[in-house]
C-alpha atoms as a PDB file:
ATOM      1  CA  MET A   1       0.000   0.000   0.000  1.00  0.00           C
ATOM      2  CA  HIS A   2       2.965   2.300   0.578  1.00  0.00           C
ATOM      3  CA  GLY A   3       3.736   2.196  -3.143  1.00  0.00           C
ATOM      4  CA  ILE A   4       0.169   3.103  -4.113  1.00  0.00           C
ATOM      5  CA  GLU A   5       0.145   5.920  -1.552  1.00  0.00           C
ATOM      6  CA  ASN A   6       3.433   7.468  -2.691  1.00  0.00           C
ATOM      7  CA  TYR A   7       3.595   6.812  -6.443  1.00  0.00           C
ATOM      8  CA  SER A   8       1.305   7.231  -9.423  1.00  0.00           C
ATOM      9  CA  ILE A   9       0.266   4.714 -12.025  1.00  0.00           C
ATOM     10  CA  THR A  10       2.749   6.314 -14.451  1.00  0.00           C
ATOM     11  CA  SER A  11       5.751   6.056 -12.090  1.00  0.00           C
ATOM     12  CA  GLU A  12       8.637   4.238 -13.710  1.00  0.00           C
ATOM     13  CA  LEU A  13      10.698   1.594 -11.956  1.00  0.00           C
ATOM     14  CA  PRO A  14      14.316   2.521 -11.326  1.00  0.00           C
ATOM     15  CA  SER A  15      16.703   0.402 -13.400  1.00  0.00           C
ATOM     16  CA  GLU A  16      17.858  -1.592 -10.352  1.00  0.00           C
ATOM     17  CA  LEU A  17      14.336  -2.969  -9.816  1.00  0.00           C
ATOM     18  CA  SER A  18      13.459  -5.851 -12.107  1.00  0.00           C
ATOM     19  CA  SER A  19       9.716  -6.352 -11.460  1.00  0.00           C
ATOM     20  CA  GLY A  20       8.946  -9.996 -11.757  1.00  0.00           C
ATOM     21  CA  ALA A  21      11.618 -12.202 -10.170  1.00  0.00           C
ATOM     22  CA  TRP A  22       9.569 -12.965  -7.046  1.00  0.00           C
ATOM     23  CA  ASP A  23       6.258 -14.587  -6.101  1.00  0.00           C
ATOM     24  CA  MET A  24       3.629 -11.937  -5.397  1.00  0.00           C
ATOM     25  CA  GLY A  25       1.416 -14.454  -3.554  1.00  0.00           C
ATOM     26  CA  SER A  26       3.950 -14.682  -0.754  1.00  0.00           C
ATOM     27  CA  ILE A  27       3.618 -10.919  -0.157  1.00  0.00           C
ATOM     28  CA  ILE A  28      -0.012 -10.037  -0.865  1.00  0.00           C
ATOM     29  CA  ASN A  29      -3.106 -12.226  -1.115  1.00  0.00           C
ATOM     30  CA  GLY A  30      -6.699 -12.522   0.033  1.00  0.00           C
ATOM     31  CA  ASN A  31      -8.390  -9.326   1.186  1.00  0.00           C
ATOM     32  CA  ASP A  32      -5.130  -7.350   0.936  1.00  0.00           C
ATOM     33  CA  TYR A  33      -4.872  -8.309  -2.747  1.00  0.00           C
ATOM     34  CA  LEU A  34      -8.506  -7.364  -3.338  1.00  0.00           C
ATOM     35  CA  LEU A  35      -8.043  -3.975  -1.640  1.00  0.00           C
ATOM     36  CA  ALA A  36      -4.864  -3.255  -3.629  1.00  0.00           C
ATOM     37  CA  LYS A  37      -6.621  -4.340  -6.844  1.00  0.00           C
ATOM     38  CA  HIS A  38      -9.438  -1.845  -6.271  1.00  0.00           C
ATOM     39  CA  LEU A  39      -6.986   0.925  -5.364  1.00  0.00           C
ATOM     40  CA  ILE A  40      -5.170   0.281  -8.656  1.00  0.00           C
ATOM     41  CA  ILE A  41      -8.454   0.294 -10.609  1.00  0.00           C
ATOM     42  CA  ASN A  42      -9.261   3.577  -8.878  1.00  0.00           C
ATOM     43  CA  GLU A  43      -5.861   4.980  -9.903  1.00  0.00           C
ATOM     44  CA  LEU A  44      -6.426   3.872 -13.509  1.00  0.00           C
ATOM     45  CA  GLN A  45      -9.970   5.277 -13.415  1.00  0.00           C
ATOM     46  CA  GLU A  46     -11.229   2.457 -15.611  1.00  0.00           C
ATOM     47  CA  GLU A  47     -12.409  -1.109 -15.134  1.00  0.00           C
ATOM     48  CA  ILE A  48      -9.715  -3.685 -15.900  1.00  0.00           C
ATOM     49  CA  GLU A  49     -10.740  -7.261 -16.680  1.00  0.00           C
ATOM     50  CA  ASP A  50      -7.239  -8.626 -17.354  1.00  0.00           C
ATOM     51  CA  GLU A  51      -5.711  -9.829 -14.063  1.00  0.00           C
ATOM     52  CA  LYS A  52      -2.214  -9.761 -15.599  1.00  0.00           C
ATOM     53  CA  ILE A  53      -2.458  -5.977 -15.999  1.00  0.00           C
ATOM     54  CA  ILE A  54      -3.523  -5.652 -12.359  1.00  0.00           C
ATOM     55  CA  ARG A  55      -0.698  -7.949 -11.189  1.00  0.00           C
ATOM     56  CA  ASP A  56       1.883  -6.044 -13.249  1.00  0.00           C
ATOM     57  CA  HIS A  57       0.812  -2.715 -11.721  1.00  0.00           C
ATOM     58  CA  MET A  58       0.664  -4.286  -8.261  1.00  0.00           C
ATOM     59  CA  LYS A  59       4.194  -5.692  -8.550  1.00  0.00           C
ATOM     60  CA  ARG A  60       5.484  -2.299  -9.632  1.00  0.00           C
ATOM     61  CA  PHE A  61       3.780  -0.555  -6.703  1.00  0.00           C
ATOM     62  CA  ILE A  62       5.103  -3.165  -4.254  1.00  0.00           C
ATOM     63  CA  GLU A  63       8.653  -2.773  -5.558  1.00  0.00           C
ATOM     64  CA  LEU A  64       8.455   1.026  -5.494  1.00  0.00           C
ATOM     65  CA  GLY A  65       7.013   0.968  -1.970  1.00  0.00           C
ATOM     66  CA  VAL A  66       9.627  -1.431  -0.619  1.00  0.00           C
ATOM     67  CA  ALA A  67      12.457   0.557  -2.228  1.00  0.00           C
ATOM     68  CA  HIS A  68      11.067   3.782  -0.723  1.00  0.00           C
ATOM     69  CA  ILE A  69      10.685   2.261   2.760  1.00  0.00           C
ATOM     70  CA  SER A  70      14.215   0.863   2.512  1.00  0.00           C
ATOM     71  CA  SER A  71      15.641   4.282   1.654  1.00  0.00           C
ATOM     72  CA  LEU A  72      13.719   5.863   4.552  1.00  0.00           C
ATOM     73  CA  LEU A  73      14.995   3.237   6.990  1.00  0.00           C
ATOM     74  CA  GLU A  74      18.564   3.861   5.812  1.00  0.00           C
ATOM     75  CA  SER A  75      18.169   7.601   6.387  1.00  0.00           C
ATOM     76  CA  ASP A  76      18.681   9.278   9.730  1.00  0.00           C
ATOM     77  CA  ASP A  77      15.005  10.153  10.083  1.00  0.00           C
ATOM     78  CA  ALA A  78      14.273   8.938  13.629  1.00  0.00           C
ATOM     79  CA  LEU A  79      10.675  10.162  13.446  1.00  0.00           C
ATOM     80  CA  PHE A  80       9.970   7.966  10.417  1.00  0.00           C
ATOM     81  CA  GLU A  81      11.507   4.929  12.127  1.00  0.00           C
ATOM     82  CA  GLU A  82       9.372   5.439  15.225  1.00  0.00           C
ATOM     83  CA  GLU A  83       6.148   5.868  13.217  1.00  0.00           C
ATOM     84  CA  PHE A  84       6.997   2.913  10.968  1.00  0.00           C
ATOM     85  CA  LEU A  85       7.731   0.615  13.916  1.00  0.00           C
ATOM     86  CA  ILE A  86       4.485   1.613  15.626  1.00  0.00           C
ATOM     87  CA  LYS A  87       2.534   0.835  12.439  1.00  0.00           C
ATOM     88  CA  LEU A  88       4.421  -2.451  11.986  1.00  0.00           C
ATOM     89  CA  LEU A  89       3.786  -3.565  15.557  1.00  0.00           C
ATOM     90  CA  THR A  90       0.072  -2.710  15.433  1.00  0.00           C
ATOM     91  CA  ALA A  91      -0.587  -4.400  12.064  1.00  0.00           C
END
């Protein structure tokens, strides 16, 4: 969800992210997948029937979100770390 919150549907992947060498089902499934799917449809502002298109967008958002969280954790932003840990522990 962090990727959807912080990037747009037209955001490009940085060259170091490959998009596709991992199993999305191990990261998002069930109701979380359904919620992310509807958020992506909302971003696209059109109904998408092809699940591959949804999965491709979802993988890109996941990779962008994880890369962004990683860069924030590597920074010296103590406030972000505290907020992130609180969210992680209450999830």
